[in-house]
Amino acid sequence: MKKIFKAATGCVMLLAISCSKQPLGTPQLVNAQMTENINRAAINTGHYIGERFGGGIIFWMTPDSMHGLIADTTDLGAFSWEEPSAYTQTNATGTRIGSGKSNTRKIILAQGKKGSYAALECEKSERSGYTDWFLPSKEELNKLYLRRFLVGGFQKHEYWSSSDANNDGNVWLQLFELDGAQGIGYWGAVVNVRAIRAF
C-alpha cells in the first residue's frame, strides 16, 4: 500500500480516518438486491448501473433512477490536488453526492487555470466528446470505489476527491484496494485522478 506522509518538513501523510466497506450480508442476497435495483432502473429510464453511456460507465443512480453519475473509463493521470506553487483556501468542503461539480468549480476559481492539478485536469478533459467532467466529492468517490470492478482500469493506489477536509489543504482521498480506506492527504501530493460527470 502506497503511503503519503505529511510532516513539518513538508512531507505528506495518509491518515486513515474511516473505512468504506462492501455491504454486509451473503453475496447471493446482496447480488440479488443489486440485480433487482438495476432492473428497476432500466425499466424506469432505460439506463442502468454498469451501462456504457454518456462517455463512460454509469456507477450510481438516484433512487428514482432519473439521474446518475458516469465515470470515465481511464484515469486522467496523477496530479497534485492544487496548483503546486500557490495553494489558497478553496472552500471546496462539500462531501456529499452532488457536491463534486461545485467543489471542482471552487477549486479552479481559487487556483486559476494555470499549471496542472487534479480539478483543472478534470475540467479541461474532453474525453469521449464531453466537456463537463469534474473531480468527485468524498462520497461520490466512495460510490466509485464500490463499483470499481464494474468500471475498471483503476490503480491499486489512492485517488483524490474534490473535498477539502478542513479548508487548509488537507484533502479527502481513497485507497482503491482492500477495504477502500478513506483518509486525508496533503494537497501537494501527486495522486491518481479519475474524472466523472453527471446526467
N, C-alpha and C. Protein backbone atom coordinates (compact mmCIF):
# COMPACT_ATOMS: atom_id res chain seq x y z
N MET A 1 0.85 -1.20 0.00
CA MET A 1 0.00 0.00 0.00
C MET A 1 0.87 1.23 0.00
N LYS A 2 0.69 2.10 -0.97
CA LYS A 2 1.44 3.33 -1.04
C LYS A 2 0.97 4.26 0.04
N LYS A 3 1.88 4.88 0.78
CA LYS A 3 1.50 5.81 1.84
C LYS A 3 1.94 7.21 1.46
N ILE A 4 1.23 8.17 1.98
CA ILE A 4 1.54 9.56 1.75
C ILE A 4 1.84 10.18 3.10
N PHE A 5 2.95 10.86 3.24
CA PHE A 5 3.37 11.37 4.54
C PHE A 5 3.36 12.88 4.56
N LYS A 6 2.87 13.44 5.70
CA LYS A 6 2.87 14.88 5.90
C LYS A 6 3.55 15.18 7.22
N ALA A 7 4.59 15.99 7.21
CA ALA A 7 5.29 16.35 8.43
C ALA A 7 5.65 17.81 8.33
N ALA A 8 6.29 18.34 9.38
CA ALA A 8 6.65 19.75 9.40
C ALA A 8 7.61 20.08 8.27
N THR A 9 8.33 19.07 7.79
CA THR A 9 9.29 19.30 6.71
C THR A 9 8.63 19.41 5.36
N GLY A 10 7.30 19.20 5.30
CA GLY A 10 6.61 19.32 4.03
C GLY A 10 6.35 17.97 3.38
N CYS A 11 6.72 16.88 4.05
CA CYS A 11 6.39 15.56 3.52
C CYS A 11 4.89 15.34 3.65
N VAL A 12 4.41 14.24 3.13
CA VAL A 12 2.98 14.03 3.04
C VAL A 12 2.56 12.77 3.77
N MET A 13 1.38 12.76 4.43
CA MET A 13 0.93 11.62 5.22
C MET A 13 -0.49 11.22 4.87
N LEU A 14 -0.72 9.94 4.83
CA LEU A 14 -2.08 9.42 4.71
C LEU A 14 -2.53 9.02 6.09
N LEU A 15 -3.61 9.64 6.57
CA LEU A 15 -4.17 9.30 7.86
C LEU A 15 -5.46 8.57 7.62
N ALA A 16 -5.51 7.30 7.96
CA ALA A 16 -6.74 6.53 7.76
C ALA A 16 -7.77 7.03 8.74
N ILE A 17 -8.79 7.66 8.25
CA ILE A 17 -9.82 8.25 9.08
C ILE A 17 -11.02 7.34 9.19
N SER A 18 -11.42 6.79 8.08
CA SER A 18 -12.58 5.92 8.10
C SER A 18 -12.47 4.92 6.98
N CYS A 19 -13.25 3.89 7.05
CA CYS A 19 -13.23 2.87 6.01
C CYS A 19 -14.61 2.77 5.40
N SER A 20 -14.64 2.47 4.13
CA SER A 20 -15.90 2.20 3.46
C SER A 20 -15.83 0.78 2.96
N LYS A 21 -16.76 -0.05 3.37
CA LYS A 21 -16.72 -1.46 3.02
C LYS A 21 -17.94 -1.85 2.23
N GLN A 22 -17.83 -3.00 1.55
CA GLN A 22 -18.95 -3.53 0.81
C GLN A 22 -20.11 -3.81 1.76
N PRO A 23 -21.34 -3.80 1.28
CA PRO A 23 -22.48 -4.08 2.14
C PRO A 23 -22.36 -5.45 2.78
N LEU A 24 -22.88 -5.55 4.04
CA LEU A 24 -22.86 -6.82 4.74
C LEU A 24 -23.97 -7.73 4.21
N GLY A 25 -23.85 -9.01 4.47
CA GLY A 25 -24.85 -9.96 4.03
C GLY A 25 -24.24 -10.99 3.12
N THR A 26 -24.98 -12.03 2.85
CA THR A 26 -24.45 -13.06 1.97
C THR A 26 -24.33 -12.53 0.56
N PRO A 27 -23.29 -12.97 -0.18
CA PRO A 27 -23.13 -12.49 -1.57
C PRO A 27 -24.37 -12.72 -2.41
N GLN A 28 -25.08 -13.85 -2.20
CA GLN A 28 -26.25 -14.15 -3.01
C GLN A 28 -27.35 -13.11 -2.79
N LEU A 29 -27.60 -12.76 -1.50
CA LEU A 29 -28.64 -11.78 -1.20
C LEU A 29 -28.27 -10.40 -1.70
N VAL A 30 -27.02 -10.02 -1.50
CA VAL A 30 -26.56 -8.71 -1.95
C VAL A 30 -26.65 -8.61 -3.46
N ASN A 31 -26.17 -9.64 -4.18
CA ASN A 31 -26.22 -9.63 -5.64
C ASN A 31 -27.65 -9.63 -6.16
N ALA A 32 -28.55 -10.36 -5.48
CA ALA A 32 -29.95 -10.39 -5.90
C ALA A 32 -30.58 -9.01 -5.76
N GLN A 33 -30.28 -8.31 -4.64
CA GLN A 33 -30.83 -6.98 -4.42
C GLN A 33 -30.27 -6.00 -5.45
N MET A 34 -28.97 -6.09 -5.73
CA MET A 34 -28.36 -5.20 -6.71
C MET A 34 -28.97 -5.43 -8.10
N THR A 35 -29.17 -6.69 -8.45
CA THR A 35 -29.78 -7.01 -9.74
C THR A 35 -31.19 -6.46 -9.84
N GLU A 36 -31.95 -6.59 -8.75
CA GLU A 36 -33.32 -6.07 -8.73
C GLU A 36 -33.32 -4.56 -8.92
N ASN A 37 -32.41 -3.86 -8.21
CA ASN A 37 -32.33 -2.40 -8.33
C ASN A 37 -31.94 -1.98 -9.74
N ILE A 38 -30.98 -2.70 -10.33
CA ILE A 38 -30.54 -2.38 -11.69
C ILE A 38 -31.68 -2.61 -12.68
N ASN A 39 -32.41 -3.71 -12.53
CA ASN A 39 -33.53 -3.99 -13.43
C ASN A 39 -34.63 -2.94 -13.31
N ARG A 40 -34.91 -2.51 -12.06
CA ARG A 40 -35.94 -1.49 -11.84
C ARG A 40 -35.53 -0.18 -12.52
N ALA A 41 -34.22 0.18 -12.40
CA ALA A 41 -33.74 1.40 -13.02
C ALA A 41 -33.87 1.34 -14.54
N ALA A 42 -33.56 0.18 -15.10
CA ALA A 42 -33.64 0.02 -16.55
C ALA A 42 -35.08 0.16 -17.04
N ILE A 43 -36.04 -0.35 -16.27
CA ILE A 43 -37.46 -0.24 -16.64
C ILE A 43 -37.90 1.23 -16.61
N ASN A 44 -37.47 1.96 -15.58
CA ASN A 44 -37.92 3.35 -15.40
C ASN A 44 -37.31 4.31 -16.40
N THR A 45 -36.04 4.13 -16.73
CA THR A 45 -35.35 5.14 -17.54
C THR A 45 -34.66 4.57 -18.77
N GLY A 46 -34.52 3.28 -18.84
CA GLY A 46 -33.74 2.69 -19.91
C GLY A 46 -32.26 2.65 -19.60
N HIS A 47 -31.85 3.25 -18.48
CA HIS A 47 -30.45 3.24 -18.08
C HIS A 47 -30.26 2.36 -16.85
N TYR A 48 -29.03 1.89 -16.65
CA TYR A 48 -28.75 1.02 -15.53
C TYR A 48 -27.28 1.13 -15.12
N ILE A 49 -26.98 0.77 -13.89
CA ILE A 49 -25.62 0.78 -13.38
C ILE A 49 -24.81 -0.25 -14.15
N GLY A 50 -23.66 0.19 -14.64
CA GLY A 50 -22.80 -0.66 -15.46
C GLY A 50 -22.96 -0.41 -16.94
N GLU A 51 -23.96 0.41 -17.32
CA GLU A 51 -24.17 0.72 -18.73
C GLU A 51 -23.10 1.67 -19.25
N ARG A 52 -22.64 1.41 -20.47
CA ARG A 52 -21.77 2.38 -21.16
C ARG A 52 -22.67 3.47 -21.73
N PHE A 53 -22.49 4.67 -21.20
CA PHE A 53 -23.40 5.77 -21.55
C PHE A 53 -22.73 7.09 -21.24
N GLY A 54 -22.97 8.08 -22.07
CA GLY A 54 -22.51 9.44 -21.78
C GLY A 54 -21.02 9.58 -21.63
N GLY A 55 -20.26 8.82 -22.40
CA GLY A 55 -18.81 8.96 -22.37
C GLY A 55 -18.09 8.09 -21.38
N GLY A 56 -18.83 7.24 -20.66
CA GLY A 56 -18.18 6.39 -19.68
C GLY A 56 -19.10 5.28 -19.23
N ILE A 57 -19.07 4.96 -17.94
CA ILE A 57 -19.88 3.89 -17.38
C ILE A 57 -20.67 4.41 -16.19
N ILE A 58 -21.99 4.19 -16.19
CA ILE A 58 -22.82 4.61 -15.07
C ILE A 58 -22.46 3.80 -13.83
N PHE A 59 -22.13 4.49 -12.72
CA PHE A 59 -21.76 3.78 -11.50
C PHE A 59 -22.67 4.11 -10.32
N TRP A 60 -23.57 5.07 -10.48
CA TRP A 60 -24.51 5.42 -9.40
C TRP A 60 -25.73 6.07 -10.03
N MET A 61 -26.92 5.78 -9.43
CA MET A 61 -28.15 6.42 -9.89
C MET A 61 -28.99 6.84 -8.69
N THR A 62 -29.81 7.86 -8.88
CA THR A 62 -30.71 8.31 -7.82
C THR A 62 -31.79 7.26 -7.57
N PRO A 63 -32.44 7.30 -6.39
CA PRO A 63 -33.48 6.31 -6.08
C PRO A 63 -34.60 6.26 -7.12
N ASP A 64 -34.92 7.42 -7.74
CA ASP A 64 -35.96 7.42 -8.77
C ASP A 64 -35.42 7.04 -10.15
N SER A 65 -34.12 6.75 -10.21
CA SER A 65 -33.47 6.29 -11.45
C SER A 65 -33.47 7.33 -12.57
N MET A 66 -33.72 8.59 -12.23
CA MET A 66 -33.79 9.63 -13.26
C MET A 66 -32.45 10.31 -13.52
N HIS A 67 -31.54 10.23 -12.57
CA HIS A 67 -30.23 10.89 -12.70
C HIS A 67 -29.16 9.95 -12.18
N GLY A 68 -27.92 10.27 -12.52
CA GLY A 68 -26.84 9.41 -12.05
C GLY A 68 -25.48 10.01 -12.31
N LEU A 69 -24.46 9.21 -12.03
CA LEU A 69 -23.07 9.61 -12.21
C LEU A 69 -22.38 8.63 -13.14
N ILE A 70 -21.54 9.19 -14.01
CA ILE A 70 -20.81 8.43 -15.01
C ILE A 70 -19.32 8.59 -14.76
N ALA A 71 -18.60 7.48 -14.75
CA ALA A 71 -17.14 7.53 -14.59
C ALA A 71 -16.45 7.40 -15.94
N ASP A 72 -15.40 8.16 -16.13
CA ASP A 72 -14.54 7.96 -17.29
C ASP A 72 -13.97 6.54 -17.19
N THR A 73 -13.60 5.97 -18.31
CA THR A 73 -13.13 4.58 -18.31
C THR A 73 -11.64 4.45 -18.04
N THR A 74 -10.92 5.56 -18.03
CA THR A 74 -9.49 5.54 -17.73
C THR A 74 -9.14 6.73 -16.83
N ASP A 75 -8.03 6.61 -16.12
CA ASP A 75 -7.53 7.71 -15.30
C ASP A 75 -7.03 8.84 -16.19
N LEU A 76 -7.11 10.06 -15.67
CA LEU A 76 -6.50 11.20 -16.37
C LEU A 76 -5.00 11.24 -16.14
N GLY A 77 -4.55 10.59 -15.08
CA GLY A 77 -3.14 10.60 -14.70
C GLY A 77 -3.01 10.82 -13.21
N ALA A 78 -1.85 11.22 -12.76
CA ALA A 78 -1.60 11.51 -11.36
C ALA A 78 -1.15 12.97 -11.23
N PHE A 79 -1.80 13.72 -10.33
CA PHE A 79 -1.55 15.15 -10.21
C PHE A 79 -1.62 15.56 -8.74
N SER A 80 -1.07 16.72 -8.44
CA SER A 80 -1.30 17.30 -7.11
C SER A 80 -2.74 17.80 -7.07
N TRP A 81 -3.25 18.05 -5.87
CA TRP A 81 -4.65 18.45 -5.73
C TRP A 81 -4.88 19.88 -6.19
N GLU A 82 -3.89 20.73 -5.97
CA GLU A 82 -4.00 22.13 -6.41
C GLU A 82 -2.71 22.57 -7.07
N GLU A 83 -2.76 23.74 -7.66
CA GLU A 83 -1.60 24.28 -8.36
C GLU A 83 -0.44 24.35 -7.36
N PRO A 84 0.65 23.59 -7.62
CA PRO A 84 1.69 23.40 -6.61
C PRO A 84 2.34 24.65 -6.08
N SER A 85 2.43 25.70 -6.86
CA SER A 85 3.18 26.87 -6.43
C SER A 85 2.37 27.86 -5.61
N ALA A 86 1.05 27.70 -5.53
CA ALA A 86 0.25 28.74 -4.87
C ALA A 86 -1.04 28.20 -4.28
N TYR A 87 -0.93 27.47 -3.16
CA TYR A 87 -2.16 27.00 -2.51
C TYR A 87 -2.90 28.16 -1.87
N THR A 88 -4.20 28.21 -2.08
CA THR A 88 -5.06 29.16 -1.37
C THR A 88 -6.30 28.40 -0.89
N GLN A 89 -6.98 28.92 0.09
CA GLN A 89 -8.20 28.28 0.57
C GLN A 89 -9.23 28.27 -0.55
N THR A 90 -9.95 27.16 -0.65
CA THR A 90 -10.88 26.99 -1.75
C THR A 90 -12.35 26.98 -1.33
N ASN A 91 -12.61 26.67 -0.07
CA ASN A 91 -13.98 26.46 0.42
C ASN A 91 -14.68 25.32 -0.30
N ALA A 92 -13.89 24.41 -0.89
CA ALA A 92 -14.45 23.23 -1.57
C ALA A 92 -14.61 22.10 -0.56
N THR A 93 -15.49 22.30 0.40
CA THR A 93 -15.60 21.38 1.53
C THR A 93 -16.80 20.43 1.43
N GLY A 94 -17.56 20.50 0.34
CA GLY A 94 -18.70 19.59 0.18
C GLY A 94 -18.24 18.15 0.08
N THR A 95 -18.93 17.26 0.76
CA THR A 95 -18.56 15.84 0.74
C THR A 95 -19.64 14.96 0.13
N ARG A 96 -20.87 15.42 0.05
CA ARG A 96 -21.98 14.57 -0.35
C ARG A 96 -22.07 14.38 -1.86
N ILE A 97 -22.87 13.40 -2.26
CA ILE A 97 -23.15 13.20 -3.68
C ILE A 97 -23.84 14.45 -4.21
N GLY A 98 -23.34 14.96 -5.31
CA GLY A 98 -23.88 16.19 -5.88
C GLY A 98 -23.00 17.39 -5.62
N SER A 99 -21.96 17.25 -4.80
CA SER A 99 -21.11 18.40 -4.49
C SER A 99 -19.78 18.40 -5.25
N GLY A 100 -19.48 17.33 -5.98
CA GLY A 100 -18.22 17.26 -6.69
C GLY A 100 -18.05 18.35 -7.75
N LYS A 101 -19.13 18.61 -8.48
CA LYS A 101 -19.05 19.62 -9.54
C LYS A 101 -18.81 21.01 -8.98
N SER A 102 -19.54 21.36 -7.91
CA SER A 102 -19.35 22.69 -7.31
C SER A 102 -17.99 22.79 -6.63
N ASN A 103 -17.53 21.72 -6.00
CA ASN A 103 -16.18 21.71 -5.43
C ASN A 103 -15.13 22.00 -6.50
N THR A 104 -15.27 21.33 -7.64
CA THR A 104 -14.31 21.50 -8.73
C THR A 104 -14.28 22.95 -9.19
N ARG A 105 -15.45 23.56 -9.32
CA ARG A 105 -15.52 24.98 -9.73
C ARG A 105 -14.85 25.88 -8.70
N LYS A 106 -15.08 25.61 -7.41
CA LYS A 106 -14.48 26.43 -6.35
C LYS A 106 -12.96 26.33 -6.36
N ILE A 107 -12.45 25.12 -6.56
CA ILE A 107 -11.00 24.92 -6.59
C ILE A 107 -10.39 25.73 -7.74
N ILE A 108 -10.99 25.64 -8.90
CA ILE A 108 -10.46 26.35 -10.07
C ILE A 108 -10.61 27.86 -9.91
N LEU A 109 -11.70 28.31 -9.33
CA LEU A 109 -11.88 29.74 -9.09
C LEU A 109 -10.79 30.26 -8.17
N ALA A 110 -10.43 29.49 -7.16
CA ALA A 110 -9.41 29.92 -6.21
C ALA A 110 -8.00 29.81 -6.78
N GLN A 111 -7.75 28.78 -7.61
CA GLN A 111 -6.40 28.49 -8.07
C GLN A 111 -6.08 29.01 -9.47
N GLY A 112 -7.10 29.28 -10.24
CA GLY A 112 -6.87 29.75 -11.59
C GLY A 112 -6.67 28.61 -12.58
N LYS A 113 -6.42 28.95 -13.82
CA LYS A 113 -6.32 27.96 -14.89
C LYS A 113 -4.91 27.81 -15.42
N LYS A 114 -3.92 28.11 -14.59
CA LYS A 114 -2.53 27.90 -14.97
C LYS A 114 -2.02 26.63 -14.29
N GLY A 115 -1.02 26.04 -14.88
CA GLY A 115 -0.42 24.86 -14.28
C GLY A 115 -1.25 23.61 -14.56
N SER A 116 -1.01 22.60 -13.74
CA SER A 116 -1.67 21.31 -13.94
C SER A 116 -1.96 20.71 -12.57
N TYR A 117 -3.24 20.57 -12.25
CA TYR A 117 -3.64 19.98 -10.96
C TYR A 117 -4.96 19.25 -11.15
N ALA A 118 -5.35 18.46 -10.18
CA ALA A 118 -6.44 17.48 -10.32
C ALA A 118 -7.74 18.08 -10.85
N ALA A 119 -8.27 19.09 -10.17
CA ALA A 119 -9.55 19.67 -10.57
C ALA A 119 -9.47 20.28 -11.97
N LEU A 120 -8.38 20.97 -12.25
CA LEU A 120 -8.22 21.62 -13.56
C LEU A 120 -8.12 20.58 -14.68
N GLU A 121 -7.43 19.48 -14.43
CA GLU A 121 -7.33 18.43 -15.44
C GLU A 121 -8.70 17.83 -15.75
N CYS A 122 -9.53 17.67 -14.72
CA CYS A 122 -10.89 17.18 -14.95
C CYS A 122 -11.69 18.18 -15.78
N GLU A 123 -11.59 19.45 -15.40
CA GLU A 123 -12.35 20.50 -16.09
C GLU A 123 -11.90 20.65 -17.55
N LYS A 124 -10.62 20.41 -17.83
CA LYS A 124 -10.09 20.54 -19.19
C LYS A 124 -10.38 19.31 -20.05
N SER A 125 -10.74 18.20 -19.43
CA SER A 125 -10.92 16.95 -20.16
C SER A 125 -12.03 17.06 -21.21
N GLU A 126 -11.78 16.50 -22.37
CA GLU A 126 -12.77 16.40 -23.43
C GLU A 126 -12.95 14.95 -23.85
N ARG A 127 -12.74 14.06 -22.88
CA ARG A 127 -12.83 12.63 -23.15
C ARG A 127 -14.21 12.27 -23.72
N SER A 128 -14.21 11.46 -24.76
CA SER A 128 -15.42 10.97 -25.43
C SER A 128 -16.32 12.09 -25.92
N GLY A 129 -15.75 13.28 -26.12
CA GLY A 129 -16.51 14.40 -26.66
C GLY A 129 -17.28 15.21 -25.64
N TYR A 130 -17.11 14.94 -24.35
CA TYR A 130 -17.82 15.67 -23.29
C TYR A 130 -16.87 16.65 -22.60
N THR A 131 -17.42 17.80 -22.18
CA THR A 131 -16.60 18.85 -21.58
C THR A 131 -17.08 19.23 -20.18
N ASP A 132 -17.86 18.35 -19.54
CA ASP A 132 -18.39 18.68 -18.21
C ASP A 132 -17.93 17.68 -17.15
N TRP A 133 -16.71 17.17 -17.30
CA TRP A 133 -16.14 16.26 -16.31
C TRP A 133 -15.73 17.04 -15.06
N PHE A 134 -15.75 16.37 -13.93
CA PHE A 134 -15.33 17.02 -12.68
C PHE A 134 -14.70 16.00 -11.74
N LEU A 135 -14.07 16.51 -10.69
CA LEU A 135 -13.41 15.68 -9.69
C LEU A 135 -14.45 15.26 -8.64
N PRO A 136 -14.62 13.97 -8.38
CA PRO A 136 -15.69 13.53 -7.48
C PRO A 136 -15.49 13.99 -6.04
N SER A 137 -16.61 14.23 -5.36
CA SER A 137 -16.57 14.54 -3.93
C SER A 137 -16.21 13.27 -3.15
N LYS A 138 -16.04 13.40 -1.85
CA LYS A 138 -15.70 12.27 -0.99
C LYS A 138 -16.69 11.12 -1.14
N GLU A 139 -17.99 11.41 -1.06
CA GLU A 139 -18.99 10.35 -1.15
C GLU A 139 -19.14 9.83 -2.58
N GLU A 140 -18.99 10.69 -3.57
CA GLU A 140 -19.02 10.24 -4.96
C GLU A 140 -17.86 9.29 -5.23
N LEU A 141 -16.69 9.63 -4.69
CA LEU A 141 -15.51 8.78 -4.86
C LEU A 141 -15.72 7.42 -4.20
N ASN A 142 -16.38 7.41 -3.04
CA ASN A 142 -16.64 6.13 -2.38
C ASN A 142 -17.59 5.26 -3.20
N LYS A 143 -18.62 5.87 -3.80
CA LYS A 143 -19.52 5.11 -4.68
C LYS A 143 -18.75 4.54 -5.87
N LEU A 144 -17.80 5.32 -6.37
CA LEU A 144 -16.98 4.85 -7.48
C LEU A 144 -16.11 3.68 -7.04
N TYR A 145 -15.55 3.76 -5.84
CA TYR A 145 -14.77 2.64 -5.30
C TYR A 145 -15.62 1.37 -5.21
N LEU A 146 -16.84 1.49 -4.73
CA LEU A 146 -17.71 0.33 -4.59
C LEU A 146 -18.02 -0.34 -5.93
N ARG A 147 -17.97 0.44 -7.02
CA ARG A 147 -18.23 -0.10 -8.36
C ARG A 147 -16.93 -0.21 -9.18
N ARG A 148 -15.79 -0.26 -8.51
CA ARG A 148 -14.51 -0.21 -9.21
C ARG A 148 -14.32 -1.37 -10.20
N PHE A 149 -14.83 -2.53 -9.87
CA PHE A 149 -14.66 -3.67 -10.77
C PHE A 149 -15.58 -3.56 -11.99
N LEU A 150 -16.72 -2.92 -11.79
CA LEU A 150 -17.66 -2.71 -12.88
C LEU A 150 -17.12 -1.68 -13.87
N VAL A 151 -16.51 -0.62 -13.33
CA VAL A 151 -15.97 0.46 -14.17
C VAL A 151 -14.62 0.05 -14.75
N GLY A 152 -13.73 -0.44 -13.90
CA GLY A 152 -12.44 -0.96 -14.33
C GLY A 152 -11.37 0.08 -14.56
N GLY A 153 -10.12 -0.42 -14.71
CA GLY A 153 -8.99 0.43 -15.07
C GLY A 153 -8.34 1.18 -13.92
N PHE A 154 -8.68 0.87 -12.69
CA PHE A 154 -8.13 1.61 -11.55
C PHE A 154 -6.79 1.04 -11.11
N GLN A 155 -5.95 1.93 -10.58
CA GLN A 155 -4.70 1.53 -9.96
C GLN A 155 -4.98 1.14 -8.50
N LYS A 156 -4.15 0.31 -7.94
CA LYS A 156 -4.31 -0.08 -6.53
C LYS A 156 -3.58 0.93 -5.64
N HIS A 157 -3.99 2.18 -5.79
CA HIS A 157 -3.39 3.28 -5.04
C HIS A 157 -4.49 4.26 -4.65
N GLU A 158 -4.09 5.41 -4.12
CA GLU A 158 -5.07 6.42 -3.72
C GLU A 158 -5.58 7.21 -4.92
N TYR A 159 -6.82 7.74 -4.75
CA TYR A 159 -7.44 8.65 -5.72
C TYR A 159 -7.93 9.88 -4.97
N TRP A 160 -7.75 11.04 -5.59
CA TRP A 160 -8.21 12.29 -5.00
C TRP A 160 -9.73 12.41 -5.07
N SER A 161 -10.31 12.99 -4.02
CA SER A 161 -11.65 13.55 -4.11
C SER A 161 -11.50 15.06 -4.29
N SER A 162 -12.61 15.75 -4.47
CA SER A 162 -12.58 17.21 -4.57
C SER A 162 -12.88 17.86 -3.23
N SER A 163 -12.96 17.06 -2.17
CA SER A 163 -13.41 17.56 -0.86
C SER A 163 -12.23 17.93 0.04
N ASP A 164 -12.07 19.23 0.27
CA ASP A 164 -11.07 19.74 1.20
C ASP A 164 -11.56 19.44 2.61
N ALA A 165 -10.80 18.66 3.37
CA ALA A 165 -11.28 18.15 4.65
C ALA A 165 -11.52 19.25 5.68
N ASN A 166 -10.65 20.24 5.72
CA ASN A 166 -10.80 21.31 6.72
C ASN A 166 -10.41 22.68 6.19
N ASN A 167 -10.43 22.79 4.86
CA ASN A 167 -10.17 24.07 4.19
C ASN A 167 -8.78 24.62 4.49
N ASP A 168 -7.81 23.71 4.71
CA ASP A 168 -6.44 24.18 4.89
C ASP A 168 -5.45 23.33 4.10
N GLY A 169 -5.95 22.66 3.06
CA GLY A 169 -5.06 21.89 2.21
C GLY A 169 -4.96 20.42 2.58
N ASN A 170 -5.71 19.98 3.57
CA ASN A 170 -5.80 18.55 3.87
C ASN A 170 -7.04 18.01 3.19
N VAL A 171 -6.86 17.08 2.28
CA VAL A 171 -7.90 16.70 1.33
C VAL A 171 -8.28 15.23 1.49
N TRP A 172 -9.58 14.93 1.32
CA TRP A 172 -10.03 13.55 1.37
C TRP A 172 -9.57 12.79 0.12
N LEU A 173 -9.06 11.59 0.35
CA LEU A 173 -8.73 10.69 -0.74
C LEU A 173 -9.14 9.28 -0.36
N GLN A 174 -9.04 8.35 -1.30
CA GLN A 174 -9.48 6.98 -1.02
C GLN A 174 -8.55 5.99 -1.70
N LEU A 175 -8.24 4.93 -0.96
CA LEU A 175 -7.41 3.85 -1.47
C LEU A 175 -8.28 2.87 -2.26
N PHE A 176 -7.90 2.57 -3.50
CA PHE A 176 -8.71 1.70 -4.34
C PHE A 176 -8.19 0.26 -4.30
N GLU A 177 -8.08 -0.26 -3.11
CA GLU A 177 -7.79 -1.68 -2.90
C GLU A 177 -8.22 -2.05 -1.49
N LEU A 178 -8.20 -3.32 -1.19
CA LEU A 178 -8.55 -3.82 0.14
C LEU A 178 -9.93 -3.32 0.55
N ASP A 179 -10.00 -2.64 1.72
CA ASP A 179 -11.30 -2.21 2.22
C ASP A 179 -11.66 -0.78 1.82
N GLY A 180 -10.88 -0.17 0.95
CA GLY A 180 -11.22 1.16 0.45
C GLY A 180 -11.14 2.24 1.49
N ALA A 181 -10.10 2.22 2.31
CA ALA A 181 -9.97 3.22 3.38
C ALA A 181 -9.95 4.63 2.80
N GLN A 182 -10.75 5.50 3.42
CA GLN A 182 -10.69 6.92 3.08
C GLN A 182 -9.84 7.62 4.14
N GLY A 183 -9.02 8.54 3.69
CA GLY A 183 -8.13 9.24 4.61
C GLY A 183 -7.86 10.65 4.12
N ILE A 184 -6.91 11.29 4.75
CA ILE A 184 -6.57 12.67 4.42
C ILE A 184 -5.15 12.73 3.87
N GLY A 185 -5.00 13.41 2.76
CA GLY A 185 -3.68 13.62 2.16
C GLY A 185 -3.42 15.11 2.00
N TYR A 186 -2.15 15.47 1.98
CA TYR A 186 -1.77 16.87 1.81
C TYR A 186 -1.89 17.25 0.34
N TRP A 187 -2.40 18.44 0.07
CA TRP A 187 -2.74 18.85 -1.30
C TRP A 187 -1.58 18.76 -2.28
N GLY A 188 -0.33 18.85 -1.79
CA GLY A 188 0.82 18.83 -2.69
C GLY A 188 1.20 17.45 -3.18
N ALA A 189 0.61 16.39 -2.62
CA ALA A 189 0.94 15.04 -3.04
C ALA A 189 0.46 14.76 -4.46
N VAL A 190 1.16 13.92 -5.18
CA VAL A 190 0.76 13.52 -6.53
C VAL A 190 -0.02 12.22 -6.40
N VAL A 191 -1.30 12.27 -6.77
CA VAL A 191 -2.24 11.16 -6.54
C VAL A 191 -3.07 10.95 -7.82
N ASN A 192 -3.56 9.73 -8.00
CA ASN A 192 -4.36 9.39 -9.19
C ASN A 192 -5.66 10.19 -9.26
N VAL A 193 -6.11 10.43 -10.48
CA VAL A 193 -7.32 11.21 -10.72
C VAL A 193 -8.20 10.47 -11.73
N ARG A 194 -9.48 10.29 -11.35
CA ARG A 194 -10.48 9.73 -12.28
C ARG A 194 -11.64 10.72 -12.34
N ALA A 195 -11.92 11.25 -13.51
CA ALA A 195 -12.98 12.23 -13.70
C ALA A 195 -14.35 11.54 -13.80
N ILE A 196 -15.38 12.26 -13.37
CA ILE A 196 -16.74 11.79 -13.51
C ILE A 196 -17.61 12.92 -14.09
N ARG A 197 -18.82 12.58 -14.51
CA ARG A 197 -19.79 13.57 -14.95
C ARG A 197 -21.17 13.12 -14.55
N ALA A 198 -22.13 14.01 -14.56
CA ALA A 198 -23.49 13.71 -14.12
C ALA A 198 -24.45 13.72 -15.30
N PHE A 199 -25.57 13.00 -15.14
CA PHE A 199 -26.63 13.08 -16.16
C PHE A 199 -27.98 13.17 -15.45
